[in-house]
Amino acid sequence: MRRLMANFLADQSGATAIEYCLIAVGLSIVIVAAVNGIGTALNGKFASVSSSLQ
C-alpha cells in the first residue's frame, strides 16, 4: 500500500495533461480575439462597399 501511494504521488502525467490543456485554452482565447477583431474590420469594409454600390 505504501508503494502504491508513493507511485501515485510521483506520477507526473496528470500535471503534463493539465499544462497542455492550459496552453490550448490560451491559444484558443487568442484565436477567438483575433477572429473577432478581423470580423469587426471586415464588417465595416462590407458596409462601406454596400453603401458605395447603392
N, C-alpha and C. Protein backbone atom coordinates (compact mmCIF):
# COMPACT_ATOMS: atom_id res chain seq x y z
N MET A 1 0.82 -1.19 0.00
CA MET A 1 0.00 0.00 0.00
C MET A 1 0.87 1.26 0.00
N ARG A 2 1.97 1.21 0.75
CA ARG A 2 2.87 2.36 0.80
C ARG A 2 3.50 2.61 -0.57
N ARG A 3 3.86 1.53 -1.27
CA ARG A 3 4.46 1.67 -2.60
C ARG A 3 3.44 2.23 -3.59
N LEU A 4 2.19 1.83 -3.46
CA LEU A 4 1.13 2.33 -4.34
C LEU A 4 0.95 3.85 -4.16
N MET A 5 0.95 4.30 -2.92
CA MET A 5 0.83 5.74 -2.65
C MET A 5 2.05 6.50 -3.16
N ALA A 6 3.23 5.94 -3.00
CA ALA A 6 4.44 6.59 -3.49
C ALA A 6 4.42 6.71 -5.00
N ASN A 7 3.98 5.67 -5.68
CA ASN A 7 3.88 5.72 -7.14
C ASN A 7 2.84 6.75 -7.58
N PHE A 8 1.72 6.82 -6.86
CA PHE A 8 0.67 7.78 -7.20
C PHE A 8 1.18 9.22 -7.04
N LEU A 9 1.88 9.49 -5.98
CA LEU A 9 2.37 10.84 -5.75
C LEU A 9 3.51 11.22 -6.69
N ALA A 10 4.25 10.25 -7.19
CA ALA A 10 5.37 10.53 -8.09
C ALA A 10 4.93 10.65 -9.55
N ASP A 11 3.70 10.25 -9.86
CA ASP A 11 3.22 10.28 -11.25
C ASP A 11 3.02 11.72 -11.71
N GLN A 12 3.64 12.09 -12.82
CA GLN A 12 3.56 13.46 -13.35
C GLN A 12 2.70 13.57 -14.61
N SER A 13 2.11 12.49 -15.07
CA SER A 13 1.38 12.53 -16.33
C SER A 13 0.13 13.41 -16.24
N GLY A 14 -0.53 13.44 -15.10
CA GLY A 14 -1.70 14.30 -14.95
C GLY A 14 -1.33 15.77 -15.01
N ALA A 15 -0.22 16.13 -14.41
CA ALA A 15 0.24 17.53 -14.44
C ALA A 15 0.58 17.95 -15.87
N THR A 16 1.18 17.07 -16.63
CA THR A 16 1.51 17.38 -18.01
C THR A 16 0.25 17.59 -18.83
N ALA A 17 -0.76 16.76 -18.62
CA ALA A 17 -2.02 16.92 -19.36
C ALA A 17 -2.68 18.24 -19.02
N ILE A 18 -2.63 18.64 -17.76
CA ILE A 18 -3.23 19.91 -17.36
C ILE A 18 -2.46 21.07 -17.99
N GLU A 19 -1.14 20.97 -18.06
CA GLU A 19 -0.35 22.04 -18.68
C GLU A 19 -0.69 22.17 -20.16
N TYR A 20 -0.82 21.06 -20.87
CA TYR A 20 -1.20 21.11 -22.28
C TYR A 20 -2.59 21.69 -22.44
N CYS A 21 -3.48 21.38 -21.54
CA CYS A 21 -4.84 21.92 -21.60
C CYS A 21 -4.81 23.44 -21.40
N LEU A 22 -4.02 23.92 -20.48
CA LEU A 22 -3.92 25.36 -20.26
C LEU A 22 -3.33 26.08 -21.47
N ILE A 23 -2.35 25.46 -22.11
CA ILE A 23 -1.77 26.04 -23.33
C ILE A 23 -2.82 26.11 -24.42
N ALA A 24 -3.61 25.05 -24.58
CA ALA A 24 -4.66 25.03 -25.60
C ALA A 24 -5.72 26.09 -25.33
N VAL A 25 -6.08 26.28 -24.07
CA VAL A 25 -7.06 27.30 -23.71
C VAL A 25 -6.52 28.69 -24.03
N GLY A 26 -5.27 28.93 -23.71
CA GLY A 26 -4.66 30.22 -24.01
C GLY A 26 -4.63 30.51 -25.51
N LEU A 27 -4.25 29.52 -26.28
CA LEU A 27 -4.23 29.70 -27.74
C LEU A 27 -5.62 29.93 -28.30
N SER A 28 -6.60 29.22 -27.78
CA SER A 28 -7.96 29.39 -28.31
C SER A 28 -8.50 30.78 -27.98
N ILE A 29 -8.14 31.33 -26.82
CA ILE A 29 -8.58 32.69 -26.49
C ILE A 29 -7.95 33.70 -27.45
N VAL A 30 -6.68 33.51 -27.76
CA VAL A 30 -6.01 34.41 -28.71
C VAL A 30 -6.63 34.31 -30.09
N ILE A 31 -6.95 33.10 -30.53
CA ILE A 31 -7.55 32.92 -31.85
C ILE A 31 -8.93 33.55 -31.92
N VAL A 32 -9.73 33.36 -30.88
CA VAL A 32 -11.07 33.96 -30.87
C VAL A 32 -10.99 35.48 -30.88
N ALA A 33 -10.07 36.05 -30.13
CA ALA A 33 -9.92 37.50 -30.11
C ALA A 33 -9.49 38.03 -31.48
N ALA A 34 -8.57 37.33 -32.13
CA ALA A 34 -8.10 37.76 -33.46
C ALA A 34 -9.21 37.67 -34.49
N VAL A 35 -9.96 36.57 -34.47
CA VAL A 35 -11.05 36.40 -35.43
C VAL A 35 -12.14 37.44 -35.19
N ASN A 36 -12.41 37.74 -33.93
CA ASN A 36 -13.40 38.76 -33.61
C ASN A 36 -12.97 40.13 -34.14
N GLY A 37 -11.72 40.48 -33.96
CA GLY A 37 -11.21 41.75 -34.47
C GLY A 37 -11.25 41.84 -35.98
N ILE A 38 -10.87 40.77 -36.64
CA ILE A 38 -10.91 40.74 -38.11
C ILE A 38 -12.34 40.81 -38.60
N GLY A 39 -13.25 40.13 -37.90
CA GLY A 39 -14.66 40.15 -38.30
C GLY A 39 -15.25 41.55 -38.19
N THR A 40 -14.89 42.27 -37.16
CA THR A 40 -15.38 43.65 -37.00
C THR A 40 -14.85 44.54 -38.11
N ALA A 41 -13.58 44.39 -38.44
CA ALA A 41 -12.99 45.19 -39.52
C ALA A 41 -13.63 44.86 -40.87
N LEU A 42 -13.85 43.59 -41.12
CA LEU A 42 -14.47 43.19 -42.39
C LEU A 42 -15.91 43.67 -42.48
N ASN A 43 -16.61 43.67 -41.36
CA ASN A 43 -17.98 44.15 -41.37
C ASN A 43 -18.02 45.62 -41.77
N GLY A 44 -17.09 46.41 -41.28
CA GLY A 44 -17.00 47.81 -41.67
C GLY A 44 -16.70 47.98 -43.15
N LYS A 45 -15.80 47.17 -43.67
CA LYS A 45 -15.47 47.24 -45.11
C LYS A 45 -16.67 46.87 -45.97
N PHE A 46 -17.36 45.80 -45.61
CA PHE A 46 -18.52 45.38 -46.40
C PHE A 46 -19.64 46.42 -46.32
N ALA A 47 -19.81 47.05 -45.19
CA ALA A 47 -20.81 48.11 -45.06
C ALA A 47 -20.44 49.29 -45.96
N SER A 48 -19.16 49.63 -46.02
CA SER A 48 -18.70 50.71 -46.87
C SER A 48 -18.92 50.40 -48.34
N VAL A 49 -18.58 49.19 -48.75
CA VAL A 49 -18.77 48.77 -50.13
C VAL A 49 -20.26 48.76 -50.48
N SER A 50 -21.07 48.27 -49.55
CA SER A 50 -22.52 48.20 -49.79
C SER A 50 -23.12 49.59 -49.97
N SER A 51 -22.70 50.54 -49.14
CA SER A 51 -23.24 51.91 -49.28
C SER A 51 -22.71 52.58 -50.54
N SER A 52 -21.51 52.22 -50.97
CA SER A 52 -20.97 52.80 -52.21
C SER A 52 -21.72 52.30 -53.44
N LEU A 53 -22.16 51.05 -53.40
CA LEU A 53 -22.85 50.46 -54.53
C LEU A 53 -24.29 50.98 -54.66
N GLN A 54 -24.85 51.43 -53.57
CA GLN A 54 -26.25 51.89 -53.63
C GLN A 54 -26.34 53.27 -54.09
